[in-house]
């Protein structure tokens, strides 16, 4: 099913400012298909319970993520299908380094 989600994402990525990378495992077996989104200087997010038919919503989320300053997209700004799909977030390595230096 992960391959189906990836193919669906490829199908709707035209013009999106994202790079898709398939990975073999994100250790989210209990939550089904999963995806991670990250950029330097922004929070990284892990999403689980995804289905191929959510690809368009996920790509819209990715576009919003790219456009945001911190990577944070409030639930009210996400598609209804993704409201409960965030299972984790990790601060950018740059912010962790900055805090450790202080």
N, C-alpha and C. Protein backbone atom coordinates (compact mmCIF):
# COMPACT_ATOMS: atom_id res chain seq x y z
N UNK A 1 0.82 -1.20 0.00
CA UNK A 1 0.00 0.00 0.00
C UNK A 1 0.86 1.26 0.00
N UNK A 2 2.04 1.23 0.62
CA UNK A 2 2.93 2.38 0.62
C UNK A 2 3.35 2.75 -0.79
N UNK A 3 3.57 1.73 -1.63
CA UNK A 3 3.94 2.00 -3.03
C UNK A 3 2.79 2.69 -3.75
N UNK A 4 1.56 2.34 -3.40
CA UNK A 4 0.39 2.98 -4.01
C UNK A 4 0.30 4.44 -3.58
N UNK A 5 0.58 4.72 -2.31
CA UNK A 5 0.57 6.11 -1.83
C UNK A 5 1.66 6.91 -2.54
N UNK A 6 2.83 6.34 -2.66
CA UNK A 6 3.94 7.02 -3.33
C UNK A 6 3.57 7.33 -4.78
N UNK A 7 3.00 6.36 -5.48
CA UNK A 7 2.60 6.57 -6.88
C UNK A 7 1.54 7.67 -6.97
N UNK A 8 0.59 7.68 -6.04
CA UNK A 8 -0.44 8.72 -6.04
C UNK A 8 0.18 10.09 -5.79
N UNK A 9 1.16 10.15 -4.89
CA UNK A 9 1.85 11.43 -4.63
C UNK A 9 2.60 11.90 -5.87
N UNK A 10 3.27 10.98 -6.54
CA UNK A 10 3.97 11.35 -7.78
C UNK A 10 2.99 11.91 -8.80
N UNK A 11 1.78 11.35 -8.83
CA UNK A 11 0.77 11.78 -9.79
C UNK A 11 0.24 13.17 -9.54
N UNK A 12 0.33 13.66 -8.31
CA UNK A 12 -0.20 15.00 -8.03
C UNK A 12 0.89 15.98 -7.60
N UNK A 13 2.14 15.64 -7.81
CA UNK A 13 3.25 16.50 -7.40
C UNK A 13 3.63 17.53 -8.44
N UNK A 14 3.00 17.51 -9.59
CA UNK A 14 3.34 18.44 -10.67
C UNK A 14 3.36 19.88 -10.17
N UNK A 15 4.49 20.52 -10.28
CA UNK A 15 4.60 21.92 -9.90
C UNK A 15 4.74 22.17 -8.41
N UNK A 16 4.63 21.12 -7.60
CA UNK A 16 4.76 21.31 -6.15
C UNK A 16 6.24 21.49 -5.80
N UNK A 17 6.53 22.39 -4.86
CA UNK A 17 7.92 22.64 -4.49
C UNK A 17 8.44 21.60 -3.50
N UNK A 18 8.31 20.33 -3.86
CA UNK A 18 8.72 19.24 -2.96
C UNK A 18 9.58 18.23 -3.71
N UNK A 19 10.34 17.48 -2.95
CA UNK A 19 11.11 16.36 -3.49
C UNK A 19 10.58 15.11 -2.81
N UNK A 20 10.08 14.18 -3.59
CA UNK A 20 9.58 12.92 -3.04
C UNK A 20 10.73 11.92 -2.98
N UNK A 21 10.83 11.22 -1.86
CA UNK A 21 11.81 10.16 -1.71
C UNK A 21 11.12 8.96 -1.09
N UNK A 22 11.14 7.86 -1.77
CA UNK A 22 10.59 6.64 -1.20
C UNK A 22 11.58 6.04 -0.22
N UNK A 23 11.07 5.55 0.88
CA UNK A 23 11.90 4.85 1.85
C UNK A 23 11.26 3.51 2.14
N UNK A 24 12.07 2.58 2.58
CA UNK A 24 11.56 1.24 2.82
C UNK A 24 10.74 1.16 4.10
N UNK A 25 11.13 1.91 5.13
CA UNK A 25 10.45 1.76 6.42
C UNK A 25 10.62 3.01 7.27
N UNK A 26 9.52 3.45 7.88
CA UNK A 26 9.56 4.52 8.87
C UNK A 26 9.18 3.99 10.26
N UNK A 27 9.18 2.65 10.40
CA UNK A 27 8.87 1.98 11.67
C UNK A 27 7.50 2.38 12.21
N UNK A 28 6.52 2.46 11.32
CA UNK A 28 5.16 2.85 11.70
C UNK A 28 4.16 1.75 11.34
N UNK A 29 4.58 0.51 11.42
CA UNK A 29 3.77 -0.62 10.96
C UNK A 29 2.35 -0.60 11.51
N UNK A 30 2.17 -0.28 12.76
CA UNK A 30 0.85 -0.30 13.39
C UNK A 30 -0.06 0.80 12.85
N UNK A 31 0.51 1.82 12.20
CA UNK A 31 -0.29 2.94 11.72
C UNK A 31 -0.46 2.94 10.21
N UNK A 32 -0.03 1.91 9.53
CA UNK A 32 -0.21 1.85 8.08
C UNK A 32 0.77 2.75 7.35
N UNK A 33 0.34 3.23 6.19
CA UNK A 33 1.22 4.08 5.38
C UNK A 33 1.60 5.33 6.16
N UNK A 34 2.83 5.73 5.98
CA UNK A 34 3.30 6.91 6.70
C UNK A 34 4.17 7.76 5.79
N UNK A 35 4.38 8.97 6.21
CA UNK A 35 5.21 9.92 5.47
C UNK A 35 5.88 10.85 6.46
N UNK A 36 7.01 11.37 6.06
CA UNK A 36 7.72 12.37 6.84
C UNK A 36 7.92 13.59 5.96
N UNK A 37 7.89 14.75 6.57
CA UNK A 37 8.13 15.99 5.83
C UNK A 37 9.10 16.83 6.65
N UNK A 38 10.12 17.33 5.97
CA UNK A 38 11.12 18.13 6.69
C UNK A 38 11.83 19.08 5.73
N UNK A 39 12.35 20.14 6.30
CA UNK A 39 13.18 21.13 5.60
C UNK A 39 14.14 21.70 6.62
N UNK A 40 15.31 22.12 6.18
CA UNK A 40 16.24 22.77 7.10
C UNK A 40 15.58 23.97 7.78
N UNK A 41 15.79 24.09 9.09
CA UNK A 41 15.28 25.23 9.83
C UNK A 41 13.82 25.15 10.22
N UNK A 42 13.15 24.04 9.90
CA UNK A 42 11.72 23.89 10.22
C UNK A 42 11.50 22.63 11.03
N UNK A 43 10.38 22.59 11.75
CA UNK A 43 9.95 21.37 12.40
C UNK A 43 9.80 20.29 11.35
N UNK A 44 10.11 19.05 11.72
CA UNK A 44 9.85 17.89 10.87
C UNK A 44 8.61 17.20 11.42
N UNK A 45 7.79 16.65 10.54
CA UNK A 45 6.55 16.00 10.94
C UNK A 45 6.50 14.58 10.42
N UNK A 46 5.92 13.69 11.22
CA UNK A 46 5.68 12.31 10.85
C UNK A 46 4.17 12.10 10.83
N UNK A 47 3.67 11.62 9.72
CA UNK A 47 2.24 11.39 9.55
C UNK A 47 2.01 9.90 9.36
N UNK A 48 0.94 9.38 9.95
CA UNK A 48 0.61 7.97 9.83
C UNK A 48 -0.85 7.77 9.48
N UNK A 49 -1.19 6.55 9.12
CA UNK A 49 -2.57 6.22 8.78
C UNK A 49 -2.99 6.78 7.43
N UNK A 50 -2.04 6.96 6.54
CA UNK A 50 -2.33 7.57 5.24
C UNK A 50 -2.81 6.53 4.24
N UNK A 51 -3.61 6.99 3.30
CA UNK A 51 -4.12 6.14 2.22
C UNK A 51 -3.88 6.85 0.89
N UNK A 52 -3.74 6.08 -0.19
CA UNK A 52 -3.47 6.69 -1.49
C UNK A 52 -4.45 7.79 -1.88
N UNK A 53 -5.70 7.65 -1.50
CA UNK A 53 -6.69 8.68 -1.88
C UNK A 53 -6.48 10.00 -1.13
N UNK A 54 -5.57 10.03 -0.17
CA UNK A 54 -5.25 11.26 0.57
C UNK A 54 -4.08 12.01 -0.07
N UNK A 55 -3.56 11.53 -1.18
CA UNK A 55 -2.36 12.11 -1.79
C UNK A 55 -2.53 13.59 -2.10
N UNK A 56 -3.65 13.98 -2.65
CA UNK A 56 -3.87 15.39 -2.97
C UNK A 56 -3.84 16.26 -1.73
N UNK A 57 -4.49 15.80 -0.66
CA UNK A 57 -4.49 16.56 0.60
C UNK A 57 -3.08 16.62 1.18
N UNK A 58 -2.35 15.53 1.07
CA UNK A 58 -0.98 15.50 1.58
C UNK A 58 -0.08 16.45 0.79
N UNK A 59 -0.30 16.52 -0.51
CA UNK A 59 0.50 17.43 -1.33
C UNK A 59 0.14 18.88 -1.00
N UNK A 60 -1.15 19.17 -0.74
CA UNK A 60 -1.53 20.52 -0.31
C UNK A 60 -0.88 20.87 1.03
N UNK A 61 -0.83 19.89 1.93
CA UNK A 61 -0.16 20.08 3.21
C UNK A 61 1.32 20.41 2.99
N UNK A 62 1.96 19.68 2.07
CA UNK A 62 3.37 19.91 1.77
C UNK A 62 3.59 21.32 1.22
N UNK A 63 2.70 21.78 0.37
CA UNK A 63 2.82 23.14 -0.16
C UNK A 63 2.71 24.18 0.96
N UNK A 64 1.77 23.97 1.87
CA UNK A 64 1.61 24.88 3.01
C UNK A 64 2.84 24.84 3.91
N UNK A 65 3.37 23.66 4.10
CA UNK A 65 4.57 23.48 4.91
C UNK A 65 5.73 24.28 4.33
N UNK A 66 5.96 24.14 3.03
CA UNK A 66 7.04 24.87 2.37
C UNK A 66 6.86 26.38 2.53
N UNK A 67 5.63 26.85 2.43
CA UNK A 67 5.35 28.29 2.50
C UNK A 67 5.42 28.85 3.93
N UNK A 68 5.34 27.98 4.93
CA UNK A 68 5.33 28.47 6.31
C UNK A 68 6.74 28.77 6.79
N UNK A 69 6.83 29.65 7.76
CA UNK A 69 8.14 30.00 8.29
C UNK A 69 8.76 28.92 9.15
N UNK A 70 7.95 28.27 9.97
CA UNK A 70 8.48 27.28 10.92
C UNK A 70 8.15 25.84 10.54
N UNK A 71 7.24 25.67 9.59
CA UNK A 71 6.79 24.33 9.22
C UNK A 71 5.51 23.94 9.94
N UNK A 72 5.09 24.74 10.89
CA UNK A 72 3.88 24.42 11.64
C UNK A 72 2.63 24.81 10.85
N UNK A 73 1.77 23.83 10.63
CA UNK A 73 0.48 24.06 9.96
C UNK A 73 -0.59 23.67 10.96
N UNK A 74 -1.32 24.61 11.45
CA UNK A 74 -2.34 24.36 12.47
C UNK A 74 -3.41 23.41 11.91
N UNK A 75 -4.01 22.58 12.78
CA UNK A 75 -5.04 21.65 12.32
C UNK A 75 -6.17 22.32 11.54
N UNK A 76 -6.52 23.52 11.91
CA UNK A 76 -7.60 24.22 11.21
C UNK A 76 -7.21 24.59 9.78
N UNK A 77 -5.92 24.54 9.45
CA UNK A 77 -5.44 24.87 8.11
C UNK A 77 -5.11 23.63 7.29
N UNK A 78 -5.33 22.44 7.89
CA UNK A 78 -5.09 21.18 7.18
C UNK A 78 -6.39 20.63 6.66
N UNK A 79 -6.31 19.83 5.60
CA UNK A 79 -7.50 19.15 5.08
C UNK A 79 -8.07 18.26 6.18
N UNK A 80 -9.38 18.09 6.17
CA UNK A 80 -10.04 17.27 7.19
C UNK A 80 -9.44 15.87 7.26
N UNK A 81 -9.03 15.33 6.13
CA UNK A 81 -8.48 13.97 6.13
C UNK A 81 -7.16 13.87 6.88
N UNK A 82 -6.47 14.99 7.10
CA UNK A 82 -5.17 14.99 7.77
C UNK A 82 -5.20 15.54 9.19
N UNK A 83 -6.35 15.92 9.68
CA UNK A 83 -6.43 16.55 11.00
C UNK A 83 -5.81 15.70 12.10
N UNK A 84 -6.02 14.39 12.06
CA UNK A 84 -5.52 13.51 13.12
C UNK A 84 -4.38 12.61 12.67
N UNK A 85 -3.70 12.96 11.60
CA UNK A 85 -2.68 12.09 11.05
C UNK A 85 -1.26 12.43 11.51
N UNK A 86 -1.07 13.54 12.20
CA UNK A 86 0.26 13.89 12.71
C UNK A 86 0.51 13.03 13.94
N UNK A 87 1.55 12.21 13.88
CA UNK A 87 1.87 11.34 15.01
C UNK A 87 3.14 11.77 15.73
N UNK A 88 3.88 12.70 15.16
CA UNK A 88 5.07 13.20 15.83
C UNK A 88 5.66 14.39 15.12
N UNK A 89 6.39 15.18 15.87
CA UNK A 89 7.12 16.29 15.28
C UNK A 89 8.46 16.42 16.01
N UNK A 90 9.45 16.87 15.27
CA UNK A 90 10.81 16.97 15.77
C UNK A 90 11.33 18.36 15.43
N UNK A 91 11.94 19.05 16.40
CA UNK A 91 12.46 20.38 16.08
C UNK A 91 13.60 20.27 15.08
N UNK A 92 13.82 21.34 14.37
CA UNK A 92 14.93 21.35 13.41
C UNK A 92 16.24 21.17 14.16
N UNK A 93 17.18 20.55 13.51
CA UNK A 93 18.48 20.35 14.15
C UNK A 93 19.14 21.70 14.45
N UNK A 94 18.87 22.69 13.62
CA UNK A 94 19.43 24.02 13.85
C UNK A 94 18.92 24.61 15.16
N UNK A 95 17.63 24.44 15.46
CA UNK A 95 17.10 25.00 16.70
C UNK A 95 17.66 24.24 17.89
N UNK A 96 17.84 22.94 17.76
CA UNK A 96 18.44 22.16 18.85
C UNK A 96 19.86 22.57 19.12
N UNK A 97 20.61 22.87 18.08
CA UNK A 97 21.99 23.29 18.24
C UNK A 97 22.05 24.67 18.88
N UNK A 98 21.12 25.53 18.49
CA UNK A 98 21.09 26.88 19.02
C UNK A 98 20.79 26.83 20.53
N UNK A 99 19.80 26.01 20.92
CA UNK A 99 19.43 25.91 22.34
C UNK A 99 20.55 25.30 23.16
N UNK A 100 21.26 24.32 22.61
CA UNK A 100 22.34 23.68 23.35
C UNK A 100 23.49 24.65 23.55
N UNK A 101 23.67 25.59 22.64
CA UNK A 101 24.77 26.54 22.74
C UNK A 101 24.50 27.64 23.75
N UNK A 102 23.23 27.87 24.06
CA UNK A 102 22.87 28.97 24.96
C UNK A 102 23.13 28.67 26.41
